[in-house]
Amino acid sequence: MIQLYTSTTPNGRKISIALEELGLAYQVERIDLQAEEQFTDAFLALNPNHKIPVLVDDGQAIWESGAILLHLGEKYDSAGTILPKDPTKRMEAIQYAFFQTGGVGPNLGRFGAAVRKEGDKNQEMIEIFGGEMDRLMGVLDRILADGDRDYLCGEYSIGDIMHFPWLRIAQNLGVDWITSRPRIVAWLDRIAERPAVERGMAVPE
């Protein structure tokens, strides 16, 4: 059976959403990040970068959320549920997945760290990363406006899954670079309504 080593983080929930979308049976191995279980020898044997998520499938340990989603899409998604079968749409989905890992994820992570910092906050960092998130949301807004798309590449894909757990947190915080853009709000709400997404966001319990 597939094993998912995960925690209650956006990157972990990308994978549980995809597994639920594909209807795959999997076993959840919760990693307690506060207890630093990600630094144990057993976990480092799976991922030398000591981060979740890790997927073990048929004896192969795969890490990095984008790589895991590609693996699931290529191996298990004969219907094109998360990885479109059309070559053009497939490459678009992969493109948007990379956009998340290279832009949205790192900048939102740094913005969140600056906001959560105890004591005196570094307002310059909040402005820098908040400003970049505003720019990136403008990019997503233009993509969604092209043909009035329901999802980033027109049909639901790993591109949407990669973004959702991160941006849903920001949306719930009420940041204006999301709330001021109705297309992005509607897109996130549309994803949230999917039953598999609801189940995946509850992993691990």
Protein backbone atom coordinates (compact mmCIF):
# COMPACT_ATOMS: atom_id res chain seq x y z
CA MET A 1 0.00 0.00 0.00
CA ILE A 2 1.08 3.58 -0.65
CA GLN A 3 2.45 5.31 2.45
CA LEU A 4 2.20 9.07 2.92
CA TYR A 5 4.50 10.68 5.46
CA THR A 6 2.88 14.00 6.19
CA SER A 7 1.82 16.65 8.65
CA THR A 8 -0.77 19.42 8.89
CA THR A 9 0.97 21.70 6.39
CA PRO A 10 -0.03 22.98 2.94
CA ASN A 11 2.63 20.90 1.20
CA GLY A 12 1.46 17.73 2.92
CA ARG A 13 -2.14 18.38 2.03
CA LYS A 14 -1.35 18.76 -1.66
CA ILE A 15 -0.62 15.04 -1.69
CA SER A 16 -3.58 13.85 0.36
CA ILE A 17 -5.87 15.87 -1.94
CA ALA A 18 -4.37 14.18 -5.02
CA LEU A 19 -4.63 10.72 -3.45
CA GLU A 20 -8.27 11.37 -2.60
CA GLU A 21 -9.01 12.70 -6.10
CA LEU A 22 -7.59 9.49 -7.58
CA GLY A 23 -9.40 7.25 -5.10
CA LEU A 24 -6.21 5.52 -4.06
CA ALA A 25 -5.81 3.55 -0.85
CA TYR A 26 -2.99 4.90 1.29
CA GLN A 27 -1.63 4.70 4.79
CA VAL A 28 -0.93 7.94 6.66
CA GLU A 29 2.26 8.20 8.70
CA ARG A 30 2.01 11.43 10.68
CA ILE A 31 5.32 13.21 11.27
CA ASP A 32 5.37 15.42 14.36
CA LEU A 33 7.33 18.44 13.19
CA GLN A 34 7.26 20.07 16.63
CA ALA A 35 8.95 16.97 18.06
CA GLU A 36 11.43 17.14 15.14
CA GLU A 37 10.61 13.66 13.92
CA GLN A 38 11.67 14.85 10.45
CA PHE A 39 15.28 14.74 11.68
CA THR A 40 15.26 11.13 12.84
CA ASP A 41 17.50 8.65 11.08
CA ALA A 42 14.46 6.71 9.90
CA PHE A 43 12.93 9.74 8.21
CA LEU A 44 16.24 10.97 6.79
CA ALA A 45 16.60 7.58 5.12
CA LEU A 46 13.46 8.48 3.16
CA ASN A 47 14.22 12.15 2.54
CA PRO A 48 17.71 13.56 3.06
CA ASN A 49 16.14 17.05 2.93
CA HIS A 50 14.21 16.29 6.17
CA LYS A 51 10.91 17.72 4.98
CA ILE A 52 7.42 16.36 4.45
CA PRO A 53 5.70 15.13 2.39
CA VAL A 54 7.24 11.84 1.40
CA LEU A 55 5.37 9.20 -0.60
CA VAL A 56 6.55 5.59 -0.57
CA ASP A 57 5.13 3.64 -3.48
CA ASP A 58 6.23 0.14 -4.36
CA GLY A 59 9.41 0.60 -2.34
CA GLN A 60 10.35 3.95 -3.90
CA ALA A 61 10.50 7.02 -1.65
CA ILE A 62 9.54 10.19 -3.53
CA TRP A 63 9.87 13.66 -2.04
CA GLU A 64 9.12 17.21 -3.19
CA SER A 65 5.39 17.79 -3.56
CA GLY A 66 5.51 18.62 -7.27
CA ALA A 67 7.44 15.44 -8.05
CA ILE A 68 4.97 13.38 -6.01
CA LEU A 69 1.99 14.84 -7.87
CA LEU A 70 3.63 14.12 -11.22
CA HIS A 71 4.32 10.55 -10.13
CA LEU A 72 0.70 10.03 -9.08
CA GLY A 73 -0.60 11.60 -12.27
CA GLU A 74 1.64 9.59 -14.57
CA LYS A 75 1.23 6.24 -12.80
CA TYR A 76 -2.37 6.24 -11.63
CA ASP A 77 -4.37 8.86 -13.51
CA SER A 78 -5.62 7.06 -16.62
CA ALA A 79 -8.72 9.27 -16.68
CA GLY A 80 -6.83 12.57 -16.56
CA THR A 81 -8.42 13.61 -13.26
CA ILE A 82 -5.38 15.58 -12.05
CA LEU A 83 -3.02 15.42 -15.04
CA PRO A 84 -4.74 16.17 -18.36
CA LYS A 85 -4.24 13.69 -21.20
CA ASP A 86 -4.15 16.40 -23.86
CA PRO A 87 -0.42 17.22 -24.31
CA THR A 88 -0.96 21.00 -24.35
CA LYS A 89 -3.13 20.98 -21.24
CA ARG A 90 -0.75 18.53 -19.54
CA MET A 91 2.18 20.88 -20.03
CA GLU A 92 0.11 23.82 -18.81
CA ALA A 93 -0.72 21.92 -15.63
CA ILE A 94 2.96 21.13 -15.05
CA GLN A 95 3.87 24.76 -15.79
CA TYR A 96 1.47 26.04 -13.13
CA ALA A 97 2.73 23.46 -10.64
CA PHE A 98 6.27 24.81 -11.12
CA PHE A 99 4.95 28.37 -10.81
CA GLN A 100 3.66 27.48 -7.35
CA THR A 101 6.87 25.83 -6.17
CA GLY A 102 9.09 28.57 -7.56
CA GLY A 103 7.02 31.64 -6.72
CA VAL A 104 3.84 31.41 -4.69
CA GLY A 105 5.06 28.85 -2.13
CA PRO A 106 8.39 30.48 -1.18
CA ASN A 107 7.04 34.02 -1.07
CA LEU A 108 3.91 33.13 0.87
CA GLY A 109 6.02 31.10 3.28
CA ARG A 110 8.33 34.05 3.93
CA PHE A 111 5.40 36.43 4.24
CA GLY A 112 3.81 34.12 6.79
CA ALA A 113 7.04 33.80 8.76
CA ALA A 114 7.41 37.58 8.91
CA VAL A 115 3.80 38.04 10.04
CA ARG A 116 4.02 35.30 12.69
CA LYS A 117 7.31 36.55 14.14
CA GLU A 118 7.02 37.20 17.83
CA GLY A 119 7.92 40.62 19.18
CA ASP A 120 8.80 43.46 16.84
CA LYS A 121 7.95 42.48 13.30
CA ASN A 122 10.09 43.33 10.31
CA GLN A 123 7.70 45.55 8.40
CA GLU A 124 10.10 45.77 5.46
CA MET A 125 9.96 42.00 4.96
CA ILE A 126 6.18 42.00 5.29
CA GLU A 127 5.96 44.69 2.61
CA ILE A 128 8.46 42.99 0.30
CA PHE A 129 6.89 39.54 0.38
CA GLY A 130 3.36 40.89 0.58
CA GLY A 131 4.08 43.02 -2.49
CA GLU A 132 5.43 40.03 -4.37
CA MET A 133 2.37 37.98 -3.42
CA ASP A 134 0.18 40.79 -4.75
CA ARG A 135 2.09 40.62 -8.04
CA LEU A 136 1.82 36.82 -8.22
CA MET A 137 -1.91 36.95 -7.54
CA GLY A 138 -2.15 39.39 -10.44
CA VAL A 139 -0.52 36.74 -12.64
CA LEU A 140 -3.01 34.08 -11.53
CA ASP A 141 -5.88 36.52 -12.03
CA ARG A 142 -4.79 37.13 -15.64
CA ILE A 143 -4.55 33.38 -16.26
CA LEU A 144 -8.05 32.78 -14.90
CA ALA A 145 -9.39 35.72 -16.94
CA ASP A 146 -8.11 34.17 -20.20
CA GLY A 147 -11.28 32.58 -21.55
CA ASP A 148 -12.96 32.90 -18.15
CA ARG A 149 -11.41 29.66 -16.92
CA ASP A 150 -12.80 27.60 -14.06
CA TYR A 151 -9.30 26.27 -13.35
CA LEU A 152 -5.78 27.34 -14.28
CA CYS A 153 -5.45 25.24 -17.42
CA GLY A 154 -9.18 25.20 -18.07
CA GLU A 155 -9.72 21.81 -16.47
CA TYR A 156 -8.85 20.81 -12.92
CA SER A 157 -5.26 19.67 -12.50
CA ILE A 158 -2.17 19.43 -10.33
CA GLY A 159 -1.69 23.15 -11.03
CA ASP A 160 -4.76 23.91 -8.94
CA ILE A 161 -3.94 21.33 -6.27
CA MET A 162 -0.46 22.80 -5.78
CA HIS A 163 -1.86 26.26 -5.08
CA PHE A 164 -4.98 25.54 -3.07
CA PRO A 165 -3.72 24.57 0.41
CA TRP A 166 -1.39 27.58 0.51
CA LEU A 167 -3.78 30.18 -0.84
CA ARG A 168 -6.74 28.94 1.17
CA ILE A 169 -4.86 29.88 4.35
CA ALA A 170 -4.20 33.38 3.02
CA GLN A 171 -7.81 33.69 1.87
CA ASN A 172 -9.04 32.74 5.33
CA LEU A 173 -6.76 35.41 6.83
CA GLY A 174 -8.49 37.98 4.61
CA VAL A 175 -5.39 39.37 2.88
CA ASP A 176 -6.42 41.94 0.29
CA TRP A 177 -4.25 40.55 -2.49
CA ILE A 178 -6.73 37.66 -2.56
CA THR A 179 -9.99 39.14 -1.29
CA SER A 180 -9.79 42.05 -3.75
CA ARG A 181 -9.74 39.64 -6.72
CA PRO A 182 -13.16 37.99 -7.25
CA ARG A 183 -11.86 35.54 -9.86
CA ILE A 184 -9.29 34.15 -7.44
CA VAL A 185 -11.82 33.95 -4.61
CA ALA A 186 -14.28 32.09 -6.88
CA TRP A 187 -11.51 29.75 -8.09
CA LEU A 188 -10.46 28.85 -4.53
CA ASP A 189 -14.07 28.38 -3.46
CA ARG A 190 -14.68 26.15 -6.50
CA ILE A 191 -11.74 23.93 -5.53
CA ALA A 192 -12.84 23.82 -1.88
CA GLU A 193 -16.24 22.45 -2.91
CA ARG A 194 -14.71 19.28 -4.35
CA PRO A 195 -15.39 16.34 -1.98
CA ALA A 196 -11.88 14.93 -2.48
CA VAL A 197 -10.37 18.28 -1.54
CA GLU A 198 -12.41 18.41 1.64
CA ARG A 199 -11.25 14.91 2.55
CA GLY A 200 -7.63 15.63 1.65
CA MET A 201 -7.54 18.82 3.70
CA ALA A 202 -8.51 16.79 6.79
CA VAL A 203 -5.37 14.60 6.53
CA PRO A 204 -3.76 13.89 8.88
CA GLU A 205 -6.48 13.93 11.52
